[in-house]
Amino acid sequence: MAKTSPGEFIRQVRAEASKVVWPTRQETVTTAIFVGIMMVILSIFFLGIDSLFGAIVRWLLTLV
């Protein structure tokens, strides 16, 4: 692989950076709301699973 001069590297970085398509404000807000809702749903789900397994372990420990 050929070495790239610092100047050429900067030009390549600028060329690639100009291709970046940033999301609109509306897309960002919509995505953030979706992530927040999914976080709440999954946290409630895992709380339920954790509580269930905790109850099972407590019950198993009473058998000993």
PDB file of N, CA and C in Angstrom:
ATOM      1  N   MET A   1       0.852  -1.181   0.000  1.00  0.00           N
ATOM      2  CA  MET A   1       0.000   0.000   0.000  1.00  0.00           C
ATOM      3  C   MET A   1       0.893   1.237   0.000  1.00  0.00           C
ATOM      4  N   ALA A   2       0.603   2.174  -0.879  1.00  0.00           N
ATOM      5  CA  ALA A   2       1.422   3.372  -1.003  1.00  0.00           C
ATOM      6  C   ALA A   2       1.147   4.331   0.142  1.00  0.00           C
ATOM      7  N   LYS A   3       2.202   5.023   0.547  1.00  0.00           N
ATOM      8  CA  LYS A   3       2.035   6.018   1.607  1.00  0.00           C
ATOM      9  C   LYS A   3       1.325   7.239   1.037  1.00  0.00           C
ATOM     10  N   THR A   4       0.480   7.840   1.850  1.00  0.00           N
ATOM     11  CA  THR A   4      -0.264   9.021   1.434  1.00  0.00           C
ATOM     12  C   THR A   4       0.316  10.223   2.159  1.00  0.00           C
ATOM     13  N   SER A   5       0.537  11.291   1.425  1.00  0.00           N
ATOM     14  CA  SER A   5       1.078  12.496   2.057  1.00  0.00           C
ATOM     15  C   SER A   5       0.011  13.118   2.963  1.00  0.00           C
ATOM     16  N   PRO A   6       0.433  13.866   3.980  1.00  0.00           N
ATOM     17  CA  PRO A   6      -0.551  14.497   4.875  1.00  0.00           C
ATOM     18  C   PRO A   6      -1.549  15.386   4.126  1.00  0.00           C
ATOM     19  N   GLY A   7      -1.102  16.103   3.138  1.00  0.00           N
ATOM     20  CA  GLY A   7      -2.000  16.967   2.364  1.00  0.00           C
ATOM     21  C   GLY A   7      -3.050  16.168   1.624  1.00  0.00           C
ATOM     22  N   GLU A   8      -2.618  15.056   0.998  1.00  0.00           N
ATOM     23  CA  GLU A   8      -3.559  14.193   0.276  1.00  0.00           C
ATOM     24  C   GLU A   8      -4.541  13.539   1.244  1.00  0.00           C
ATOM     25  N   PHE A   9      -4.039  13.147   2.411  1.00  0.00           N
ATOM     26  CA  PHE A   9      -4.902  12.551   3.425  1.00  0.00           C
ATOM     27  C   PHE A   9      -6.002  13.530   3.839  1.00  0.00           C
ATOM     28  N   ILE A  10      -5.626  14.796   4.088  1.00  0.00           N
ATOM     29  CA  ILE A  10      -6.611  15.820   4.478  1.00  0.00           C
ATOM     30  C   ILE A  10      -7.630  16.006   3.360  1.00  0.00           C
ATOM     31  N   ARG A  11      -7.185  16.030   2.113  1.00  0.00           N
ATOM     32  CA  ARG A  11      -8.115  16.175   0.982  1.00  0.00           C
ATOM     33  C   ARG A  11      -9.093  14.999   0.935  1.00  0.00           C
ATOM     34  N   GLN A  12      -8.587  13.788   1.173  1.00  0.00           N
ATOM     35  CA  GLN A  12      -9.458  12.611   1.161  1.00  0.00           C
ATOM     36  C   GLN A  12     -10.470  12.665   2.308  1.00  0.00           C
ATOM     37  N   VAL A  13     -10.010  13.099   3.471  1.00  0.00           N
ATOM     38  CA  VAL A  13     -10.915  13.212   4.617  1.00  0.00           C
ATOM     39  C   VAL A  13     -12.009  14.224   4.323  1.00  0.00           C
ATOM     40  N   ARG A  14     -11.651  15.371   3.764  1.00  0.00           N
ATOM     41  CA  ARG A  14     -12.655  16.391   3.425  1.00  0.00           C
ATOM     42  C   ARG A  14     -13.632  15.872   2.374  1.00  0.00           C
ATOM     43  N   ALA A  15     -13.130  15.119   1.401  1.00  0.00           N
ATOM     44  CA  ALA A  15     -14.002  14.569   0.359  1.00  0.00           C
ATOM     45  C   ALA A  15     -14.993  13.583   0.966  1.00  0.00           C
ATOM     46  N   GLU A  16     -14.518  12.735   1.865  1.00  0.00           N
ATOM     47  CA  GLU A  16     -15.414  11.768   2.506  1.00  0.00           C
ATOM     48  C   GLU A  16     -16.402  12.467   3.437  1.00  0.00           C
ATOM     49  N   ALA A  17     -15.927  13.464   4.170  1.00  0.00           N
ATOM     50  CA  ALA A  17     -16.804  14.188   5.100  1.00  0.00           C
ATOM     51  C   ALA A  17     -17.910  14.928   4.359  1.00  0.00           C
ATOM     52  N   SER A  18     -17.622  15.378   3.140  1.00  0.00           N
ATOM     53  CA  SER A  18     -18.651  16.085   2.372  1.00  0.00           C
ATOM     54  C   SER A  18     -19.759  15.139   1.919  1.00  0.00           C
ATOM     55  N   LYS A  19     -19.508  13.815   1.941  1.00  0.00           N
ATOM     56  CA  LYS A  19     -20.511  12.838   1.538  1.00  0.00           C
ATOM     57  C   LYS A  19     -21.467  12.469   2.673  1.00  0.00           C
ATOM     58  N   VAL A  20     -21.151  12.902   3.882  1.00  0.00           N
ATOM     59  CA  VAL A  20     -21.975  12.550   5.036  1.00  0.00           C
ATOM     60  C   VAL A  20     -23.330  13.240   4.912  1.00  0.00           C
ATOM     61  N   VAL A  21     -24.397  12.468   5.107  1.00  0.00           N
ATOM     62  CA  VAL A  21     -25.746  13.024   5.083  1.00  0.00           C
ATOM     63  C   VAL A  21     -26.259  13.033   6.525  1.00  0.00           C
ATOM     64  N   TRP A  22     -26.410  14.211   7.099  1.00  0.00           N
ATOM     65  CA  TRP A  22     -26.860  14.338   8.480  1.00  0.00           C
ATOM     66  C   TRP A  22     -28.377  14.242   8.541  1.00  0.00           C
ATOM     67  N   PRO A  23     -28.910  13.624   9.601  1.00  0.00           N
ATOM     68  CA  PRO A  23     -30.369  13.534   9.718  1.00  0.00           C
ATOM     69  C   PRO A  23     -30.970  14.916  10.000  1.00  0.00           C
ATOM     70  N   THR A  24     -32.226  15.054   9.615  1.00  0.00           N
ATOM     71  CA  THR A  24     -32.913  16.312   9.898  1.00  0.00           C
ATOM     72  C   THR A  24     -33.255  16.365  11.383  1.00  0.00           C
ATOM     73  N   ARG A  25     -33.656  17.543  11.838  1.00  0.00           N
ATOM     74  CA  ARG A  25     -34.036  17.699  13.243  1.00  0.00           C
ATOM     75  C   ARG A  25     -35.214  16.780  13.578  1.00  0.00           C
ATOM     76  N   GLN A  26     -36.177  16.690  12.661  1.00  0.00           N
ATOM     77  CA  GLN A  26     -37.349  15.843  12.880  1.00  0.00           C
ATOM     78  C   GLN A  26     -36.956  14.373  12.984  1.00  0.00           C
ATOM     79  N   GLU A  27     -36.055  13.910  12.127  1.00  0.00           N
ATOM     80  CA  GLU A  27     -35.590  12.525  12.204  1.00  0.00           C
ATOM     81  C   GLU A  27     -34.874  12.260  13.524  1.00  0.00           C
ATOM     82  N   THR A  28     -34.084  13.211  13.970  1.00  0.00           N
ATOM     83  CA  THR A  28     -33.355  13.059  15.230  1.00  0.00           C
ATOM     84  C   THR A  28     -34.314  12.978  16.407  1.00  0.00           C
ATOM     85  N   VAL A  29     -35.317  13.860  16.430  1.00  0.00           N
ATOM     86  CA  VAL A  29     -36.297  13.851  17.521  1.00  0.00           C
ATOM     87  C   VAL A  29     -37.094  12.552  17.508  1.00  0.00           C
ATOM     88  N   THR A  30     -37.548  12.136  16.331  1.00  0.00           N
ATOM     89  CA  THR A  30     -38.320  10.901  16.212  1.00  0.00           C
ATOM     90  C   THR A  30     -37.506   9.701  16.697  1.00  0.00           C
ATOM     91  N   THR A  31     -36.249   9.624  16.280  1.00  0.00           N
ATOM     92  CA  THR A  31     -35.383   8.528  16.693  1.00  0.00           C
ATOM     93  C   THR A  31     -35.149   8.557  18.206  1.00  0.00           C
ATOM     94  N   ALA A  32     -34.931   9.734  18.772  1.00  0.00           N
ATOM     95  CA  ALA A  32     -34.702   9.852  20.210  1.00  0.00           C
ATOM     96  C   ALA A  32     -35.928   9.405  21.003  1.00  0.00           C
ATOM     97  N   ILE A  33     -37.121   9.777  20.532  1.00  0.00           N
ATOM     98  CA  ILE A  33     -38.360   9.366  21.211  1.00  0.00           C
ATOM     99  C   ILE A  33     -38.516   7.844  21.123  1.00  0.00           C
ATOM    100  N   PHE A  34     -38.255   7.280  19.947  1.00  0.00           N
ATOM    101  CA  PHE A  34     -38.348   5.831  19.768  1.00  0.00           C
ATOM    102  C   PHE A  34     -37.376   5.102  20.696  1.00  0.00           C
ATOM    103  N   VAL A  35     -36.153   5.595  20.785  1.00  0.00           N
ATOM    104  CA  VAL A  35     -35.158   4.976  21.665  1.00  0.00           C
ATOM    105  C   VAL A  35     -35.610   5.067  23.116  1.00  0.00           C
ATOM    106  N   GLY A  36     -36.162   6.209  23.517  1.00  0.00           N
ATOM    107  CA  GLY A  36     -36.655   6.355  24.892  1.00  0.00           C
ATOM    108  C   GLY A  36     -37.777   5.385  25.208  1.00  0.00           C
ATOM    109  N   ILE A  37     -38.724   5.241  24.278  1.00  0.00           N
ATOM    110  CA  ILE A  37     -39.848   4.320  24.493  1.00  0.00           C
ATOM    111  C   ILE A  37     -39.338   2.878  24.579  1.00  0.00           C
ATOM    112  N   MET A  38     -38.440   2.499  23.669  1.00  0.00           N
ATOM    113  CA  MET A  38     -37.901   1.134  23.691  1.00  0.00           C
ATOM    114  C   MET A  38     -37.118   0.877  24.973  1.00  0.00           C
ATOM    115  N   MET A  39     -36.405   1.883  25.468  1.00  0.00           N
ATOM    116  CA  MET A  39     -35.646   1.740  26.702  1.00  0.00           C
ATOM    117  C   MET A  39     -36.577   1.471  27.876  1.00  0.00           C
ATOM    118  N   VAL A  40     -37.698   2.189  27.939  1.00  0.00           N
ATOM    119  CA  VAL A  40     -38.666   1.980  29.022  1.00  0.00           C
ATOM    120  C   VAL A  40     -39.283   0.583  28.917  1.00  0.00           C
ATOM    121  N   ILE A  41     -39.697   0.189  27.708  1.00  0.00           N
ATOM    122  CA  ILE A  41     -40.312  -1.126  27.521  1.00  0.00           C
ATOM    123  C   ILE A  41     -39.342  -2.242  27.911  1.00  0.00           C
ATOM    124  N   LEU A  42     -38.102  -2.149  27.432  1.00  0.00           N
ATOM    125  CA  LEU A  42     -37.130  -3.191  27.744  1.00  0.00           C
ATOM    126  C   LEU A  42     -36.747  -3.201  29.215  1.00  0.00           C
ATOM    127  N   SER A  43     -36.671  -2.030  29.847  1.00  0.00           N
ATOM    128  CA  SER A  43     -36.337  -2.009  31.274  1.00  0.00           C
ATOM    129  C   SER A  43     -37.445  -2.652  32.097  1.00  0.00           C
ATOM    130  N   ILE A  44     -38.707  -2.427  31.726  1.00  0.00           N
ATOM    131  CA  ILE A  44     -39.824  -3.070  32.426  1.00  0.00           C
ATOM    132  C   ILE A  44     -39.791  -4.580  32.188  1.00  0.00           C
ATOM    133  N   PHE A  45     -39.508  -4.991  30.956  1.00  0.00           N
ATOM    134  CA  PHE A  45     -39.413  -6.414  30.630  1.00  0.00           C
ATOM    135  C   PHE A  45     -38.330  -7.088  31.471  1.00  0.00           C
ATOM    136  N   PHE A  46     -37.133  -6.497  31.497  1.00  0.00           N
ATOM    137  CA  PHE A  46     -36.032  -7.112  32.240  1.00  0.00           C
ATOM    138  C   PHE A  46     -36.257  -7.039  33.745  1.00  0.00           C
ATOM    139  N   LEU A  47     -36.961  -6.022  34.219  1.00  0.00           N
ATOM    140  CA  LEU A  47     -37.328  -5.978  35.632  1.00  0.00           C
ATOM    141  C   LEU A  47     -38.230  -7.170  35.957  1.00  0.00           C
ATOM    142  N   GLY A  48     -39.191  -7.452  35.084  1.00  0.00           N
ATOM    143  CA  GLY A  48     -40.081  -8.584  35.296  1.00  0.00           C
ATOM    144  C   GLY A  48     -39.340  -9.911  35.280  1.00  0.00           C
ATOM    145  N   ILE A  49     -38.452 -10.093  34.304  1.00  0.00           N
ATOM    146  CA  ILE A  49     -37.671 -11.330  34.219  1.00  0.00           C
ATOM    147  C   ILE A  49     -36.791 -11.479  35.459  1.00  0.00           C
ATOM    148  N   ASP A  50     -36.137 -10.407  35.866  1.00  0.00           N
ATOM    149  CA  ASP A  50     -35.259 -10.448  37.034  1.00  0.00           C
ATOM    150  C   ASP A  50     -36.058 -10.766  38.301  1.00  0.00           C
ATOM    151  N   SER A  51     -37.222 -10.161  38.431  1.00  0.00           N
ATOM    152  CA  SER A  51     -38.061 -10.428  39.597  1.00  0.00           C
ATOM    153  C   SER A  51     -38.526 -11.880  39.608  1.00  0.00           C
ATOM    154  N   LEU A  52     -38.892 -12.394  38.441  1.00  0.00           N
ATOM    155  CA  LEU A  52     -39.330 -13.791  38.339  1.00  0.00           C
ATOM    156  C   LEU A  52     -38.208 -14.744  38.752  1.00  0.00           C
ATOM    157  N   PHE A  53     -37.027 -14.533  38.194  1.00  0.00           N
ATOM    158  CA  PHE A  53     -35.906 -15.408  38.551  1.00  0.00           C
ATOM    159  C   PHE A  53     -35.526 -15.246  40.019  1.00  0.00           C
ATOM    160  N   GLY A  54     -35.616 -14.019  40.540  1.00  0.00           N
ATOM    161  CA  GLY A  54     -35.333 -13.809  41.961  1.00  0.00           C
ATOM    162  C   GLY A  54     -36.308 -14.571  42.835  1.00  0.00           C
ATOM    163  N   ALA A  55     -37.590 -14.558  42.466  1.00  0.00           N
ATOM    164  CA  ALA A  55     -38.598 -15.288  43.226  1.00  0.00           C
ATOM    165  C   ALA A  55     -38.348 -16.789  43.151  1.00  0.00           C
ATOM    166  N   ILE A  56     -37.962 -17.290  41.970  1.00  0.00           N
ATOM    167  CA  ILE A  56     -37.664 -18.717  41.814  1.00  0.00           C
ATOM    168  C   ILE A  56     -36.474 -19.109  42.690  1.00  0.00           C
ATOM    169  N   VAL A  57     -35.432 -18.301  42.688  1.00  0.00           N
ATOM    170  CA  VAL A  57     -34.254 -18.609  43.505  1.00  0.00           C
ATOM    171  C   VAL A  57     -34.613 -18.576  44.985  1.00  0.00           C
ATOM    172  N   ARG A  58     -35.398 -17.572  45.418  1.00  0.00           N
ATOM    173  CA  ARG A  58     -35.813 -17.516  46.831  1.00  0.00           C
ATOM    174  C   ARG A  58     -36.627 -18.756  47.196  1.00  0.00           C
ATOM    175  N   TRP A  59     -37.510 -19.184  46.293  1.00  0.00           N
ATOM    176  CA  TRP A  59     -38.325 -20.394  46.568  1.00  0.00           C
ATOM    177  C   TRP A  59     -37.439 -21.626  46.656  1.00  0.00           C
ATOM    178  N   LEU A  60     -36.464 -21.738  45.731  1.00  0.00           N
ATOM    179  CA  LEU A  60     -35.550 -22.883  45.760  1.00  0.00           C
ATOM    180  C   LEU A  60     -34.718 -22.906  47.043  1.00  0.00           C
ATOM    181  N   LEU A  61     -34.339 -21.729  47.517  1.00  0.00           N
ATOM    182  CA  LEU A  61     -33.552 -21.666  48.750  1.00  0.00           C
ATOM    183  C   LEU A  61     -34.367 -22.065  49.975  1.00  0.00           C
ATOM    184  N   THR A  62     -35.682 -21.940  49.915  1.00  0.00           N
ATOM    185  CA  THR A  62     -36.500 -22.351  51.060  1.00  0.00           C
ATOM    186  C   THR A  62     -36.622 -23.870  51.115  1.00  0.00           C
ATOM    187  N   LEU A  63     -36.326 -24.565  50.014  1.00  0.00           N
ATOM    188  CA  LEU A  63     -36.414 -26.025  49.972  1.00  0.00           C
ATOM    189  C   LEU A  63     -35.221 -26.681  50.678  1.00  0.00           C
ATOM    190  N   VAL A  64     -34.158 -25.923  50.842  1.00  0.00           N
ATOM    191  CA  VAL A  64     -32.933 -26.501  51.422  1.00  0.00           C
ATOM    192  C   VAL A  64     -33.028 -26.589  52.920  1.00  0.00           C
TER     193      VAL A  64
END
